[in-house]
N, C-alpha and C. Protein backbone atom coordinates (compact mmCIF):
# COMPACT_ATOMS: atom_id res chain seq x y z
N MET A 1 132.77 158.77 97.23
CA MET A 1 132.91 158.95 98.66
C MET A 1 132.17 160.24 99.07
N ILE A 2 131.49 160.16 100.15
CA ILE A 2 130.73 161.30 100.66
C ILE A 2 131.67 162.25 101.38
N LEU A 3 131.52 163.52 101.12
CA LEU A 3 132.32 164.53 101.81
C LEU A 3 131.58 165.07 103.01
N LYS A 4 132.31 165.28 104.08
CA LYS A 4 131.74 165.87 105.29
C LYS A 4 131.44 167.34 105.02
N LYS A 5 130.26 167.79 105.45
CA LYS A 5 129.85 169.17 105.22
C LYS A 5 129.56 169.86 106.55
N SER A 6 129.82 171.16 106.60
CA SER A 6 129.59 171.94 107.80
C SER A 6 128.10 172.27 107.94
N ILE A 7 127.48 171.70 108.94
CA ILE A 7 126.05 171.92 109.16
C ILE A 7 125.77 173.37 109.49
N GLY A 8 126.58 173.95 110.36
CA GLY A 8 126.39 175.35 110.74
C GLY A 8 126.48 176.29 109.55
N LEU A 9 127.45 176.06 108.68
CA LEU A 9 127.61 176.89 107.49
C LEU A 9 126.41 176.74 106.56
N TYR A 10 125.95 175.51 106.38
CA TYR A 10 124.81 175.28 105.49
C TYR A 10 123.53 175.91 106.05
N ILE A 11 123.35 175.87 107.35
CA ILE A 11 122.18 176.54 107.95
C ILE A 11 122.30 178.05 107.77
N PHE A 12 123.48 178.59 108.03
CA PHE A 12 123.71 180.03 107.87
C PHE A 12 123.43 180.46 106.44
N LEU A 13 123.97 179.73 105.46
CA LEU A 13 123.74 180.08 104.06
C LEU A 13 122.27 179.95 103.67
N SER A 14 121.59 178.98 104.23
CA SER A 14 120.16 178.82 103.95
C SER A 14 119.36 180.00 104.48
N ILE A 15 119.74 180.49 105.65
CA ILE A 15 119.02 181.62 106.25
C ILE A 15 119.29 182.91 105.49
N ILE A 16 120.56 183.20 105.17
CA ILE A 16 120.85 184.48 104.52
C ILE A 16 120.40 184.53 103.06
N THR A 17 120.16 183.36 102.45
CA THR A 17 119.66 183.34 101.07
C THR A 17 118.14 183.13 101.03
N CYS A 18 117.50 183.29 102.17
CA CYS A 18 116.04 183.13 102.29
C CYS A 18 115.56 181.77 101.79
N GLY A 19 116.34 180.75 102.05
CA GLY A 19 115.94 179.39 101.72
C GLY A 19 116.42 178.87 100.38
N LEU A 20 116.99 179.71 99.56
CA LEU A 20 117.43 179.25 98.23
C LEU A 20 118.56 178.23 98.34
N PHE A 21 119.48 178.44 99.29
CA PHE A 21 120.57 177.49 99.46
C PHE A 21 120.05 176.13 99.91
N MET A 22 118.91 176.12 100.60
CA MET A 22 118.31 174.85 101.04
C MET A 22 117.97 173.96 99.86
N LEU A 23 117.66 174.56 98.72
CA LEU A 23 117.35 173.77 97.53
C LEU A 23 118.60 173.00 97.08
N TYR A 24 119.73 173.68 97.08
CA TYR A 24 121.00 173.00 96.76
C TYR A 24 121.31 171.93 97.79
N TRP A 25 121.09 172.25 99.06
CA TRP A 25 121.36 171.32 100.14
C TRP A 25 120.52 170.05 99.99
N LEU A 26 119.25 170.21 99.62
CA LEU A 26 118.36 169.07 99.40
C LEU A 26 118.92 168.16 98.30
N VAL A 27 119.34 168.76 97.20
CA VAL A 27 119.90 167.98 96.09
C VAL A 27 121.15 167.24 96.55
N SER A 28 122.01 167.93 97.27
CA SER A 28 123.25 167.34 97.76
C SER A 28 122.98 166.18 98.72
N ILE A 29 122.07 166.38 99.65
CA ILE A 29 121.73 165.33 100.62
C ILE A 29 121.13 164.11 99.90
N ALA A 30 120.25 164.35 98.95
CA ALA A 30 119.61 163.24 98.23
C ALA A 30 120.65 162.39 97.53
N ASN A 31 121.59 163.02 96.86
CA ASN A 31 122.65 162.28 96.18
C ASN A 31 123.55 161.54 97.17
N ASP A 32 123.88 162.19 98.29
CA ASP A 32 124.74 161.56 99.29
C ASP A 32 124.07 160.37 99.97
N VAL A 33 122.77 160.48 100.23
CA VAL A 33 122.04 159.37 100.86
C VAL A 33 122.03 158.16 99.93
N ASN A 34 121.82 158.39 98.64
CA ASN A 34 121.86 157.28 97.68
C ASN A 34 123.24 156.63 97.65
N GLU A 35 124.27 157.46 97.64
CA GLU A 35 125.64 156.93 97.60
C GLU A 35 125.98 156.17 98.88
N ALA A 36 125.59 156.71 100.02
CA ALA A 36 125.90 156.06 101.30
C ALA A 36 125.22 154.70 101.44
N SER A 37 123.98 154.62 100.98
CA SER A 37 123.24 153.37 101.12
C SER A 37 123.63 152.36 100.05
N GLY A 38 124.23 152.84 98.96
CA GLY A 38 124.59 151.96 97.87
C GLY A 38 123.40 151.53 97.05
N GLU A 39 122.28 152.19 97.25
CA GLU A 39 121.06 151.85 96.53
C GLU A 39 120.73 152.95 95.53
N GLN A 40 120.18 152.53 94.40
CA GLN A 40 119.73 153.50 93.43
C GLN A 40 118.42 154.09 93.94
N GLY A 41 118.34 155.38 93.88
CA GLY A 41 117.13 156.05 94.31
C GLY A 41 116.92 157.27 93.46
N THR A 42 115.95 158.04 93.82
CA THR A 42 115.66 159.26 93.09
C THR A 42 116.84 160.21 93.24
N THR A 43 117.34 160.72 92.11
CA THR A 43 118.48 161.64 92.16
C THR A 43 118.06 162.96 92.80
N GLY A 44 119.05 163.73 93.21
CA GLY A 44 118.78 164.99 93.88
C GLY A 44 117.97 165.96 93.04
N GLY A 45 118.29 166.06 91.77
CA GLY A 45 117.56 166.97 90.89
C GLY A 45 116.10 166.58 90.75
N VAL A 46 115.84 165.28 90.64
CA VAL A 46 114.46 164.80 90.51
C VAL A 46 113.71 165.02 91.83
N VAL A 47 114.38 164.80 92.96
CA VAL A 47 113.75 165.06 94.26
C VAL A 47 113.31 166.52 94.34
N LEU A 48 114.19 167.43 93.93
CA LEU A 48 113.87 168.86 93.97
C LEU A 48 112.67 169.17 93.08
N ILE A 49 112.70 168.68 91.86
CA ILE A 49 111.60 168.97 90.92
C ILE A 49 110.28 168.41 91.42
N LEU A 50 110.28 167.15 91.87
CA LEU A 50 109.04 166.55 92.38
C LEU A 50 108.54 167.25 93.63
N THR A 51 109.46 167.70 94.48
CA THR A 51 109.05 168.43 95.68
C THR A 51 108.38 169.74 95.31
N ILE A 52 108.92 170.44 94.32
CA ILE A 52 108.32 171.70 93.88
C ILE A 52 106.97 171.46 93.22
N ILE A 53 106.90 170.46 92.34
CA ILE A 53 105.65 170.17 91.62
C ILE A 53 104.53 169.78 92.58
N THR A 54 104.85 169.02 93.60
CA THR A 54 103.82 168.54 94.54
C THR A 54 103.63 169.46 95.73
N CYS A 55 104.19 170.64 95.66
CA CYS A 55 104.07 171.63 96.75
C CYS A 55 104.59 171.08 98.08
N GLY A 56 105.65 170.30 98.02
CA GLY A 56 106.30 169.82 99.22
C GLY A 56 105.94 168.43 99.68
N ILE A 57 104.86 167.87 99.14
CA ILE A 57 104.40 166.55 99.61
C ILE A 57 105.42 165.46 99.29
N TYR A 58 105.99 165.49 98.08
CA TYR A 58 107.01 164.49 97.75
C TYR A 58 108.22 164.64 98.68
N GLY A 59 108.52 165.85 99.07
CA GLY A 59 109.63 166.09 99.99
C GLY A 59 109.44 165.36 101.30
N TRP A 60 108.21 165.30 101.77
CA TRP A 60 107.93 164.57 103.01
C TRP A 60 108.18 163.08 102.80
N TYR A 61 107.71 162.54 101.69
CA TYR A 61 107.95 161.12 101.38
C TYR A 61 109.44 160.85 101.28
N TRP A 62 110.16 161.75 100.59
CA TRP A 62 111.59 161.56 100.43
C TRP A 62 112.31 161.59 101.78
N LEU A 63 111.90 162.44 102.70
CA LEU A 63 112.52 162.49 104.02
C LEU A 63 112.37 161.15 104.73
N TYR A 64 111.20 160.54 104.60
CA TYR A 64 110.99 159.22 105.20
C TYR A 64 111.95 158.21 104.59
N MET A 65 112.03 158.21 103.26
CA MET A 65 112.92 157.27 102.57
C MET A 65 114.39 157.55 102.89
N ALA A 66 114.75 158.80 103.08
CA ALA A 66 116.13 159.14 103.44
C ALA A 66 116.48 158.52 104.80
N GLY A 67 115.55 158.57 105.73
CA GLY A 67 115.77 157.93 107.03
C GLY A 67 115.99 156.44 106.90
N GLN A 68 115.23 155.81 106.02
CA GLN A 68 115.38 154.37 105.79
C GLN A 68 116.74 154.06 105.16
N LYS A 69 117.15 154.88 104.21
CA LYS A 69 118.43 154.65 103.54
C LYS A 69 119.62 154.90 104.48
N ILE A 70 119.48 155.84 105.38
CA ILE A 70 120.54 156.07 106.36
C ILE A 70 120.68 154.84 107.26
N ARG A 71 119.55 154.26 107.65
CA ARG A 71 119.57 153.04 108.45
C ARG A 71 120.28 151.92 107.70
N ILE A 72 120.01 151.79 106.41
CA ILE A 72 120.67 150.77 105.58
C ILE A 72 122.17 151.02 105.52
N ALA A 73 122.55 152.29 105.32
CA ALA A 73 123.98 152.63 105.25
C ALA A 73 124.68 152.31 106.56
N GLN A 74 124.04 152.60 107.68
CA GLN A 74 124.63 152.30 108.98
C GLN A 74 124.75 150.79 109.20
N THR A 75 123.75 150.05 108.77
CA THR A 75 123.77 148.60 108.91
C THR A 75 124.91 147.99 108.10
N LYS A 76 125.10 148.49 106.87
CA LYS A 76 126.18 147.98 106.02
C LYS A 76 127.55 148.22 106.64
N ARG A 77 127.65 149.26 107.45
CA ARG A 77 128.93 149.60 108.08
C ARG A 77 129.05 149.04 109.49
N ASN A 78 128.06 148.27 109.92
CA ASN A 78 128.05 147.65 111.26
C ASN A 78 128.18 148.67 112.37
N PHE A 79 127.45 149.79 112.24
CA PHE A 79 127.44 150.78 113.32
C PHE A 79 126.82 150.13 114.56
N THR A 80 127.35 150.48 115.71
CA THR A 80 126.79 149.92 116.95
C THR A 80 125.46 150.58 117.30
N TYR A 81 125.29 151.83 116.90
CA TYR A 81 124.04 152.55 117.19
C TYR A 81 123.40 152.91 115.85
N ILE A 82 122.35 152.21 115.49
CA ILE A 82 121.67 152.43 114.21
C ILE A 82 120.41 153.24 114.47
N THR A 83 120.26 154.33 113.71
CA THR A 83 119.11 155.22 113.91
C THR A 83 118.09 155.04 112.80
N ASP A 84 116.85 155.29 113.14
CA ASP A 84 115.77 155.35 112.16
C ASP A 84 114.87 156.50 112.58
N ALA A 85 115.24 157.68 112.11
CA ALA A 85 114.51 158.88 112.49
C ALA A 85 113.57 159.34 111.38
N SER A 86 113.11 158.42 110.55
CA SER A 86 112.27 158.75 109.40
C SER A 86 111.05 159.57 109.80
N VAL A 87 110.36 159.14 110.83
CA VAL A 87 109.14 159.83 111.26
C VAL A 87 109.47 161.22 111.82
N ILE A 88 110.56 161.32 112.53
CA ILE A 88 110.97 162.62 113.08
C ILE A 88 111.23 163.60 111.95
N TYR A 89 111.89 163.15 110.87
CA TYR A 89 112.17 164.03 109.73
C TYR A 89 110.87 164.56 109.13
N ILE A 90 109.87 163.70 109.00
CA ILE A 90 108.59 164.11 108.42
C ILE A 90 107.88 165.09 109.33
N VAL A 91 107.81 164.78 110.62
CA VAL A 91 107.11 165.66 111.57
C VAL A 91 107.74 167.05 111.57
N LEU A 92 109.06 167.11 111.60
CA LEU A 92 109.74 168.41 111.56
C LEU A 92 109.40 169.18 110.29
N ALA A 93 109.38 168.49 109.16
CA ALA A 93 109.07 169.15 107.89
C ALA A 93 107.62 169.64 107.85
N VAL A 94 106.70 168.83 108.37
CA VAL A 94 105.29 169.22 108.36
C VAL A 94 105.05 170.49 109.18
N VAL A 95 105.79 170.66 110.27
CA VAL A 95 105.61 171.86 111.09
C VAL A 95 106.51 173.01 110.62
N GLY A 96 107.12 172.85 109.46
CA GLY A 96 107.90 173.95 108.87
C GLY A 96 109.36 173.99 109.26
N LEU A 97 109.89 172.90 109.77
CA LEU A 97 111.28 172.87 110.19
C LEU A 97 112.11 171.90 109.34
N SER A 98 111.94 171.99 108.03
CA SER A 98 112.70 171.12 107.12
C SER A 98 114.19 171.31 107.31
N ILE A 99 114.60 172.52 107.62
CA ILE A 99 116.03 172.79 107.79
C ILE A 99 116.61 171.95 108.93
N VAL A 100 115.81 171.68 109.95
CA VAL A 100 116.27 170.84 111.06
C VAL A 100 116.40 169.39 110.58
N SER A 101 115.44 168.94 109.76
CA SER A 101 115.53 167.59 109.19
C SER A 101 116.79 167.45 108.36
N TYR A 102 117.06 168.45 107.53
CA TYR A 102 118.26 168.42 106.69
C TYR A 102 119.53 168.37 107.56
N ALA A 103 119.53 169.15 108.64
CA ALA A 103 120.68 169.16 109.54
C ALA A 103 120.88 167.80 110.21
N LEU A 104 119.80 167.17 110.62
CA LEU A 104 119.90 165.85 111.25
C LEU A 104 120.40 164.80 110.25
N ILE A 105 119.88 164.86 109.02
CA ILE A 105 120.33 163.93 107.99
C ILE A 105 121.80 164.17 107.68
N GLN A 106 122.19 165.45 107.56
CA GLN A 106 123.58 165.77 107.27
C GLN A 106 124.50 165.28 108.39
N ASN A 107 124.03 165.38 109.63
CA ASN A 107 124.82 164.89 110.76
C ASN A 107 125.09 163.39 110.61
N GLU A 108 124.08 162.63 110.25
CA GLU A 108 124.25 161.19 110.06
C GLU A 108 125.17 160.91 108.88
N LEU A 109 125.03 161.68 107.81
CA LEU A 109 125.91 161.50 106.65
C LEU A 109 127.36 161.84 107.01
N ASN A 110 127.56 162.85 107.85
CA ASN A 110 128.91 163.19 108.29
C ASN A 110 129.54 162.05 109.09
N LYS A 111 128.73 161.39 109.93
CA LYS A 111 129.23 160.24 110.69
C LYS A 111 129.63 159.11 109.75
N ILE A 112 128.83 158.89 108.73
CA ILE A 112 129.14 157.85 107.75
C ILE A 112 130.41 158.21 107.00
N SER A 113 130.55 159.47 106.63
CA SER A 113 131.75 159.93 105.93
C SER A 113 132.99 159.73 106.79
N GLU A 114 132.91 160.09 108.08
CA GLU A 114 134.04 159.89 109.00
C GLU A 114 134.41 158.42 109.10
N TYR A 115 133.39 157.57 109.20
CA TYR A 115 133.64 156.14 109.29
C TYR A 115 134.36 155.64 108.04
N ASP A 116 133.85 156.05 106.87
CA ASP A 116 134.47 155.62 105.61
C ASP A 116 135.91 156.10 105.50
N MET A 117 136.17 157.34 105.91
CA MET A 117 137.53 157.87 105.82
C MET A 117 138.47 157.16 106.81
N SER A 118 137.98 156.90 108.01
CA SER A 118 138.84 156.25 109.01
C SER A 118 139.12 154.80 108.64
N ASN A 119 138.20 154.18 107.94
CA ASN A 119 138.39 152.79 107.53
C ASN A 119 138.88 152.68 106.09
N ASN A 120 139.09 153.85 105.46
CA ASN A 120 139.62 153.93 104.11
C ASN A 120 138.87 153.00 103.15
N GLN A 121 137.57 153.16 103.15
CA GLN A 121 136.76 152.29 102.31
C GLN A 121 135.57 153.02 101.74
N ASN A 122 135.00 152.41 100.72
CA ASN A 122 133.78 152.90 100.11
C ASN A 122 132.82 151.70 100.07
N ILE A 123 131.84 151.68 100.94
CA ILE A 123 130.92 150.55 101.06
C ILE A 123 129.95 150.57 99.88
N GLN A 124 129.72 149.44 99.29
CA GLN A 124 128.76 149.32 98.19
C GLN A 124 127.68 148.33 98.54
């Protein structure tokens, strides 16, 4: 089950650690997106390593895929409003605002977590 996380706290920690906490946040989001969608994907640790090795390019690809997986997770839960912000996540990251992409993804994951808790279920 995905746990709801405080976006404000994660942004604050990312800023005061000069971005180091964002690395943990990326790993956490990657694992949560895979769990929410019920699909096997690249694990958080591998996403981090590939993003570092490719100087961020893999991170852009992963952001697109995260948007797609969030859409899948919302569809599985029959959300009335299904989002696909994949392109927005990439554009924000390209202009240096990855933290905003992470916050938007976390917001969607928090909504999924709330839905799962209120319906007392774990969608697979």
